[in-house]
Amino acid sequence: MLRAFLLTSAAACAFVFASSAGATIVPQKGIAGVSIGMSQGKVRSLLGKPSSVKHGSNDFGKYTIYRYPGLQVSFQGNSSITNMSTTRKSERTASGVGVGSTETQLKAGVKGLTCKTESGFRHCYLGKFLAGRRVTDFVIKSGKVSRVDVGVVID
């Protein structure tokens, strides 16, 4: 009896951990297991070698962008993650929404969203577009999520 209980408990725990592992979009925090504020070294240890790396400079200083298939990780200032962007259909929130979800599904799955069309651009987002604040932005094209960004507003 005790053995059956332990096996059942272990199976239930495995299911819970597997479910949370599938929640790879964590609004206001990260995507694909990486989070805002992580170092370049930590990202490489978690995601492996990027498909490509871009170094550059803009009005805010030097930056590095790691590109993986369907995923881009940006380091404005070159020290830690400031933005992530995915077009992968496999990346989902804990409620199961992500790229390919309809706007209706998105609104049901992510509470507190603001949805707007601005200059012909439709998106739903969490947070405020103010310097230093975190924002999770779901880009909507043809009624479905086409990209998800999680990052810190720079300007």
Protein backbone atom coordinates (compact mmCIF):
# COMPACT_ATOMS: atom_id res chain seq x y z
CA MET A 1 0.00 0.00 0.00
CA LEU A 2 2.76 2.45 0.98
CA ARG A 3 4.72 1.51 -2.15
CA ALA A 4 1.68 2.20 -4.36
CA PHE A 5 1.23 5.58 -2.64
CA LEU A 6 4.90 6.49 -3.18
CA LEU A 7 4.76 5.49 -6.86
CA THR A 8 1.55 7.47 -7.34
CA SER A 9 3.07 10.48 -5.57
CA ALA A 10 6.21 10.24 -7.68
CA ALA A 11 4.14 10.07 -10.86
CA ALA A 12 2.08 13.08 -9.77
CA CYS A 13 5.25 15.06 -9.01
CA ALA A 14 6.72 14.13 -12.38
CA PHE A 15 3.55 15.34 -14.08
CA VAL A 16 3.64 18.67 -12.22
CA PHE A 17 7.31 19.24 -13.06
CA ALA A 18 6.76 18.25 -16.70
CA SER A 19 3.85 20.70 -16.92
CA SER A 20 5.87 23.61 -15.55
CA ALA A 21 8.81 22.71 -17.80
CA GLY A 22 6.45 23.23 -20.76
CA ALA A 23 5.66 26.76 -19.57
CA THR A 24 8.59 28.34 -21.36
CA ILE A 25 7.11 31.83 -21.68
CA VAL A 26 7.00 33.37 -18.24
CA PRO A 27 5.40 36.81 -18.62
CA GLN A 28 7.54 39.65 -17.26
CA LYS A 29 10.43 37.21 -16.64
CA GLY A 30 11.67 35.16 -19.56
CA ILE A 31 11.40 32.73 -22.44
CA ALA A 32 12.97 29.32 -23.17
CA GLY A 33 14.42 28.96 -19.69
CA VAL A 34 16.36 32.23 -19.71
CA SER A 35 15.37 35.35 -17.78
CA ILE A 36 15.90 39.08 -17.83
CA GLY A 37 19.18 39.87 -16.10
CA MET A 38 21.00 36.61 -16.95
CA SER A 39 24.60 36.88 -18.13
CA GLN A 40 25.82 35.86 -21.59
CA GLY A 41 27.69 32.93 -20.03
CA LYS A 42 24.58 31.68 -18.23
CA VAL A 43 22.54 31.88 -21.45
CA ARG A 44 25.17 29.84 -23.32
CA SER A 45 25.25 27.26 -20.53
CA LEU A 46 21.46 26.87 -20.72
CA LEU A 47 20.80 27.22 -24.48
CA GLY A 48 24.14 26.24 -25.98
CA LYS A 49 26.07 27.97 -28.71
CA PRO A 50 23.92 30.49 -30.64
CA SER A 51 23.35 30.00 -34.39
CA SER A 52 24.78 33.48 -34.83
CA VAL A 53 25.99 36.39 -32.71
CA LYS A 54 25.71 40.05 -33.62
CA HIS A 55 27.72 42.79 -31.92
CA GLY A 56 26.91 46.43 -32.44
CA SER A 57 26.36 49.84 -31.01
CA ASN A 58 23.34 52.14 -30.91
CA ASP A 59 22.18 55.28 -29.08
CA PHE A 60 22.15 53.30 -25.80
CA GLY A 61 25.65 51.85 -26.12
CA LYS A 62 27.14 48.51 -27.12
CA TYR A 63 24.97 45.43 -27.47
CA THR A 64 25.16 41.74 -28.32
CA ILE A 65 22.38 39.62 -29.82
CA TYR A 66 22.37 35.82 -29.66
CA ARG A 67 20.23 34.18 -32.32
CA TYR A 68 18.86 30.66 -32.02
CA PRO A 69 16.23 29.14 -34.34
CA GLY A 70 13.05 31.14 -33.60
CA LEU A 71 14.60 32.85 -30.57
CA GLN A 72 16.61 36.02 -30.14
CA VAL A 73 18.28 37.08 -26.87
CA SER A 74 19.57 40.67 -26.55
CA PHE A 75 22.12 42.13 -24.16
CA GLN A 76 21.98 45.93 -24.35
CA GLY A 77 25.12 47.05 -22.53
CA ASN A 78 26.64 43.59 -23.14
CA SER A 79 26.33 42.39 -19.55
CA SER A 80 22.88 40.84 -19.05
CA ILE A 81 19.67 40.01 -20.91
CA THR A 82 17.51 43.04 -21.60
CA ASN A 83 15.13 41.45 -24.14
CA MET A 84 14.05 38.08 -25.54
CA SER A 85 11.89 37.43 -28.57
CA THR A 86 10.39 34.19 -29.87
CA THR A 87 8.48 33.07 -32.93
CA ARG A 88 8.58 29.41 -31.84
CA LYS A 89 5.19 27.72 -31.63
CA SER A 90 6.64 25.37 -29.00
CA GLU A 91 7.10 28.19 -26.47
CA ARG A 92 3.98 28.48 -24.30
CA THR A 93 2.84 30.14 -21.09
CA ALA A 94 1.67 28.00 -18.18
CA SER A 95 -1.89 28.45 -19.51
CA GLY A 96 -0.83 27.14 -22.94
CA VAL A 97 -0.84 30.29 -25.07
CA GLY A 98 1.91 31.54 -27.36
CA VAL A 99 2.75 31.93 -31.03
CA GLY A 100 -0.22 30.71 -33.07
CA SER A 101 -2.81 31.38 -30.34
CA THR A 102 -5.77 33.55 -31.25
CA GLU A 103 -6.25 36.88 -29.53
CA THR A 104 -9.29 35.41 -27.76
CA GLN A 105 -7.21 32.49 -26.44
CA LEU A 106 -4.48 34.91 -25.39
CA LYS A 107 -6.91 37.10 -23.43
CA ALA A 108 -8.33 34.03 -21.69
CA GLY A 109 -4.88 32.66 -20.86
CA VAL A 110 -3.03 35.79 -19.73
CA LYS A 111 -4.83 38.02 -17.26
CA GLY A 112 -4.29 41.77 -17.16
CA LEU A 113 -3.45 42.30 -20.83
CA THR A 114 -3.97 45.60 -22.61
CA CYS A 115 -4.71 45.13 -26.33
CA LYS A 116 -4.35 47.97 -28.83
CA THR A 117 -3.90 48.76 -32.47
CA GLU A 118 -1.32 51.51 -32.85
CA SER A 119 -0.30 52.79 -36.30
CA GLY A 120 -1.72 49.61 -37.86
CA PHE A 121 0.22 47.41 -35.40
CA ARG A 122 -1.91 45.12 -33.17
CA HIS A 123 -0.48 43.87 -29.90
CA CYS A 124 -1.44 42.81 -26.39
CA TYR A 125 0.91 43.52 -23.53
CA LEU A 126 1.57 43.37 -19.81
CA GLY A 127 3.45 46.16 -18.08
CA LYS A 128 4.05 49.78 -19.03
CA PHE A 129 6.18 51.14 -21.83
CA LEU A 130 8.22 53.34 -19.46
CA ALA A 131 12.01 53.39 -19.11
CA GLY A 132 13.25 50.69 -16.78
CA ARG A 133 9.94 48.80 -16.65
CA ARG A 134 9.39 45.22 -17.79
CA VAL A 135 6.98 44.50 -20.63
CA THR A 136 5.68 41.29 -22.18
CA ASP A 137 4.39 42.04 -25.67
CA PHE A 138 2.35 39.63 -27.79
CA VAL A 139 2.37 40.78 -31.44
CA ILE A 140 -0.89 39.96 -33.25
CA LYS A 141 -1.04 39.43 -37.02
CA SER A 142 -4.17 38.18 -38.78
CA GLY A 143 -5.82 37.56 -35.40
CA LYS A 144 -3.05 35.32 -34.04
CA VAL A 145 0.08 35.78 -31.95
CA SER A 146 3.08 35.95 -34.30
CA ARG A 147 5.84 36.91 -31.84
CA VAL A 148 6.32 37.25 -28.10
CA ASP A 149 8.81 39.68 -26.53
CA VAL A 150 9.82 39.89 -22.89
CA GLY A 151 12.12 42.72 -21.96
CA VAL A 152 13.04 45.91 -20.17
CA VAL A 153 12.09 49.23 -21.76
CA ILE A 154 15.29 51.13 -22.49
CA ASP A 155 14.01 54.56 -23.51
